[in-house]
Amino acid sequence: MKNITSTLTIHTKFITGKKDIVFIGLNATAEAVQVQSVFCTRAGFWNILRDSGFISDFKKDTKLQYPYQHMAHEVFVTGGLLVRKESLGFTDIVDNNAIITTNSSQVTVTAAHLKSLENRLSSCSPNNIVLLGKRVADEFVKLDDNLKEIFKVKKNLPNDICYDYLGETLINGKSVKVYVMPFPETSPIKDKAGFYKKI
């Protein structure tokens, strides 16, 4: 797979360089595209990373319209808040900044999006991939028939079985562990950090 060499976008800026763990969302929100950050309006994702031991405590900037717009940079680029030794990254499946709906059921994932995701993951060579939510997992497993069969069974099982280690896939000939976790912002599951501790 060839690497993407175009200008960094919100989909590539947080996975530049080698990353041990890459979190994968579905598509960027309007706010994320506007400020070129992710999870910039609410602390849900950052709280989960803190409570599961990935990052240290943090403060929001109450002067900003998007009070958490600095968090992605500090976690995924500089690593300044990391507690664990692993480097973290983030990208979305859909890499077209024109698609900014927050309604995941209205997002269409194409073969081109999946190919772009493959290229992006190839460029950062992760050891672990974390799929944020069942919809993301449904799309991602189209890249791997074995994972597709496993997830077909697991996604309808109780949360403690569904949200967990899924299996392994190959990226650049390297075996990479794949996890499915509850989506941090909208999933009604309590103690999401308990699931993320399994990573």
Protein backbone atom coordinates (compact mmCIF):
# COMPACT_ATOMS: atom_id res chain seq x y z
CA MET A 1 0.00 0.00 0.00
CA LYS A 2 1.32 3.46 -0.80
CA ASN A 3 1.25 6.24 1.76
CA ILE A 4 -0.86 9.34 1.41
CA THR A 5 1.41 12.29 0.62
CA SER A 6 -1.11 15.11 0.39
CA THR A 7 -1.40 17.98 2.86
CA LEU A 8 -2.29 16.87 6.37
CA THR A 9 -6.01 16.94 7.13
CA ILE A 10 -7.94 16.27 10.28
CA HIS A 11 -7.84 12.62 9.24
CA THR A 12 -4.05 12.40 8.96
CA LYS A 13 -2.61 14.97 11.37
CA PHE A 14 -3.15 12.80 14.45
CA ILE A 15 -1.50 9.67 13.04
CA THR A 16 1.73 11.10 11.71
CA GLY A 17 4.73 9.02 12.70
CA LYS A 18 4.66 5.62 14.39
CA LYS A 19 1.67 5.05 16.68
CA ASP A 20 1.24 2.16 19.09
CA ILE A 21 -2.54 2.55 19.39
CA VAL A 22 -4.83 4.19 16.83
CA PHE A 23 -8.43 5.05 17.69
CA ILE A 24 -10.77 5.05 14.69
CA GLY A 25 -14.01 7.04 14.46
CA LEU A 26 -16.51 7.21 11.62
CA ASN A 27 -16.52 10.80 10.34
CA ALA A 28 -15.58 14.23 11.53
CA THR A 29 -18.19 16.63 12.93
CA ALA A 30 -18.62 20.17 11.68
CA GLU A 31 -16.89 21.48 14.81
CA ALA A 32 -13.96 19.12 14.38
CA VAL A 33 -13.44 20.21 10.79
CA GLN A 34 -13.78 23.89 11.73
CA VAL A 35 -11.08 23.84 14.43
CA GLN A 36 -9.06 20.97 12.91
CA SER A 37 -9.32 18.93 16.09
CA VAL A 38 -11.36 15.97 17.33
CA PHE A 39 -13.60 15.58 20.39
CA CYS A 40 -13.25 19.35 20.77
CA THR A 41 -16.60 20.27 22.36
CA ARG A 42 -17.04 17.73 25.15
CA ALA A 43 -14.78 15.91 27.57
CA GLY A 44 -16.33 12.43 27.24
CA PHE A 45 -13.53 10.81 25.23
CA TRP A 46 -10.80 12.53 27.24
CA ASN A 47 -12.45 11.48 30.52
CA ILE A 48 -12.46 7.87 29.33
CA LEU A 49 -8.77 8.05 28.39
CA ARG A 50 -8.01 9.57 31.80
CA ASP A 51 -10.13 7.11 33.77
CA SER A 52 -8.70 4.12 31.89
CA GLY A 53 -5.12 5.22 32.61
CA PHE A 54 -3.98 6.46 29.21
CA ILE A 55 -3.63 10.16 30.03
CA SER A 56 -3.24 12.37 33.09
CA ASP A 57 -5.83 14.82 34.35
CA PHE A 58 -6.46 17.91 32.27
CA LYS A 59 -8.21 21.26 32.36
CA LYS A 60 -10.45 22.89 29.80
CA ASP A 61 -9.98 26.42 28.54
CA THR A 62 -13.22 28.19 29.38
CA LYS A 63 -12.33 31.09 27.06
CA LEU A 64 -12.58 28.93 23.96
CA GLN A 65 -15.74 28.25 22.01
CA TYR A 66 -14.43 24.69 21.71
CA PRO A 67 -12.99 24.11 25.20
CA TYR A 68 -11.23 20.84 24.35
CA GLN A 69 -9.71 21.74 20.99
CA HIS A 70 -6.18 21.53 22.44
CA MET A 71 -6.61 18.01 23.79
CA ALA A 72 -6.06 16.08 20.54
CA HIS A 73 -2.79 17.92 19.94
CA GLU A 74 -1.56 17.24 23.48
CA VAL A 75 -2.52 13.56 23.38
CA PHE A 76 -1.91 12.53 19.77
CA VAL A 77 0.83 14.92 18.60
CA THR A 78 3.04 15.97 21.52
CA GLY A 79 2.12 13.13 23.88
CA GLY A 80 2.34 15.61 26.73
CA LEU A 81 -0.54 14.09 28.70
CA LEU A 82 0.34 10.44 28.18
CA VAL A 83 0.70 8.27 31.28
CA ARG A 84 1.19 4.92 29.60
CA LYS A 85 4.23 4.36 27.39
CA GLU A 86 2.23 3.80 24.19
CA SER A 87 1.90 6.58 21.63
CA LEU A 88 -1.72 7.25 20.63
CA GLY A 89 -3.25 8.29 17.33
CA PHE A 90 -6.67 9.03 15.89
CA THR A 91 -8.31 9.00 12.48
CA ASP A 92 -11.77 8.60 10.96
CA ILE A 93 -12.89 6.06 8.38
CA VAL A 94 -14.45 8.72 6.19
CA ASP A 95 -11.71 11.07 5.02
CA ASN A 96 -13.85 13.51 3.07
CA ASN A 97 -14.18 16.72 5.05
CA ALA A 98 -17.41 17.51 3.21
CA ILE A 99 -19.16 14.75 5.16
CA ILE A 100 -19.83 16.33 8.53
CA THR A 101 -23.14 14.88 9.71
CA THR A 102 -23.29 13.69 13.30
CA ASN A 103 -25.94 11.13 12.34
CA SER A 104 -23.86 8.04 11.64
CA SER A 105 -26.75 6.30 9.89
CA GLN A 106 -26.56 8.96 7.17
CA VAL A 107 -22.84 8.46 6.53
CA THR A 108 -21.98 6.36 3.49
CA VAL A 109 -18.65 4.57 3.66
CA THR A 110 -17.25 3.76 0.23
CA ALA A 111 -14.51 1.41 -0.93
CA ALA A 112 -12.38 4.51 -1.54
CA HIS A 113 -12.75 5.55 2.11
CA LEU A 114 -11.66 2.12 3.27
CA LYS A 115 -8.67 2.14 0.90
CA SER A 116 -7.66 5.56 2.22
CA LEU A 117 -7.97 4.27 5.78
CA GLU A 118 -5.74 1.32 4.88
CA ASN A 119 -3.14 3.72 3.52
CA ARG A 120 -3.28 5.93 6.60
CA LEU A 121 -2.90 2.96 8.94
CA SER A 122 -0.07 1.63 6.83
CA SER A 123 1.78 4.93 7.24
CA CYS A 124 1.68 4.87 11.06
CA SER A 125 2.13 1.08 11.51
CA PRO A 126 0.08 0.65 14.72
CA ASN A 127 0.31 -2.31 17.07
CA ASN A 128 -3.32 -1.91 18.15
CA ILE A 129 -6.45 -0.50 16.55
CA VAL A 130 -9.46 0.61 18.59
CA LEU A 131 -12.77 0.88 16.74
CA LEU A 132 -15.06 3.44 18.38
CA GLY A 133 -18.51 1.90 18.26
CA LYS A 134 -20.36 -0.86 16.43
CA ARG A 135 -20.95 1.20 13.29
CA VAL A 136 -17.22 1.82 12.92
CA ALA A 137 -16.55 -1.88 13.49
CA ASP A 138 -19.19 -2.84 10.88
CA GLU A 139 -17.35 -0.76 8.29
CA PHE A 140 -13.78 -1.60 9.32
CA VAL A 141 -14.28 -5.38 9.23
CA LYS A 142 -15.01 -5.13 5.49
CA LEU A 143 -11.22 -5.00 5.18
CA ASP A 144 -10.75 -8.43 6.77
CA ASP A 145 -13.06 -11.40 6.11
CA ASN A 146 -11.98 -13.20 9.28
CA LEU A 147 -12.79 -10.19 11.51
CA LYS A 148 -16.05 -9.73 9.61
CA GLU A 149 -17.21 -13.22 10.57
CA ILE A 150 -16.16 -12.78 14.21
CA PHE A 151 -17.92 -9.43 14.54
CA LYS A 152 -21.08 -10.71 12.84
CA VAL A 153 -21.51 -12.98 15.89
CA LYS A 154 -20.17 -10.67 18.61
CA LYS A 155 -22.05 -7.48 17.78
CA ASN A 156 -25.39 -8.87 18.94
CA LEU A 157 -24.04 -10.37 22.17
CA PRO A 158 -24.05 -8.61 25.58
CA ASN A 159 -21.84 -5.54 25.91
CA ASP A 160 -19.14 -7.25 27.95
CA ILE A 161 -18.62 -9.70 25.06
CA CYS A 162 -19.22 -7.31 22.16
CA TYR A 163 -16.96 -4.53 23.45
CA ASP A 164 -13.61 -6.22 23.82
CA TYR A 165 -10.71 -7.63 21.85
CA LEU A 166 -11.98 -8.64 18.40
CA GLY A 167 -9.01 -10.33 16.75
CA GLU A 168 -5.97 -9.56 14.62
CA THR A 169 -5.54 -8.17 11.14
CA LEU A 170 -2.50 -7.63 8.94
CA ILE A 171 -1.11 -4.18 8.14
CA ASN A 172 2.09 -4.08 6.09
CA GLY A 173 2.46 -7.80 6.80
CA LYS A 174 2.42 -7.13 10.56
CA SER A 175 -0.19 -8.62 12.88
CA VAL A 176 -2.22 -5.87 14.58
CA LYS A 177 -4.67 -6.35 17.46
CA VAL A 178 -8.17 -4.95 16.92
CA TYR A 179 -10.56 -3.89 19.70
CA VAL A 180 -14.16 -2.68 19.59
CA MET A 181 -15.09 -0.14 22.27
CA PRO A 182 -18.30 1.78 23.05
CA PHE A 183 -18.45 5.13 21.28
CA PRO A 184 -17.31 7.63 23.94
CA GLU A 185 -19.83 10.43 23.39
CA THR A 186 -23.24 8.91 22.64
CA SER A 187 -23.20 5.34 23.90
CA PRO A 188 -25.46 4.97 26.98
CA ILE A 189 -23.16 2.34 28.53
CA LYS A 190 -22.00 3.13 32.06
CA ASP A 191 -18.33 2.89 33.04
CA LYS A 192 -17.01 2.99 29.50
CA ALA A 193 -13.51 3.38 30.93
CA GLY A 194 -13.81 -0.16 32.27
CA PHE A 195 -13.99 -1.40 28.69
CA TYR A 196 -11.10 0.79 27.54
CA LYS A 197 -8.89 -0.64 30.29
CA LYS A 198 -8.88 -3.89 28.31
CA ILE A 199 -6.78 -2.31 25.56
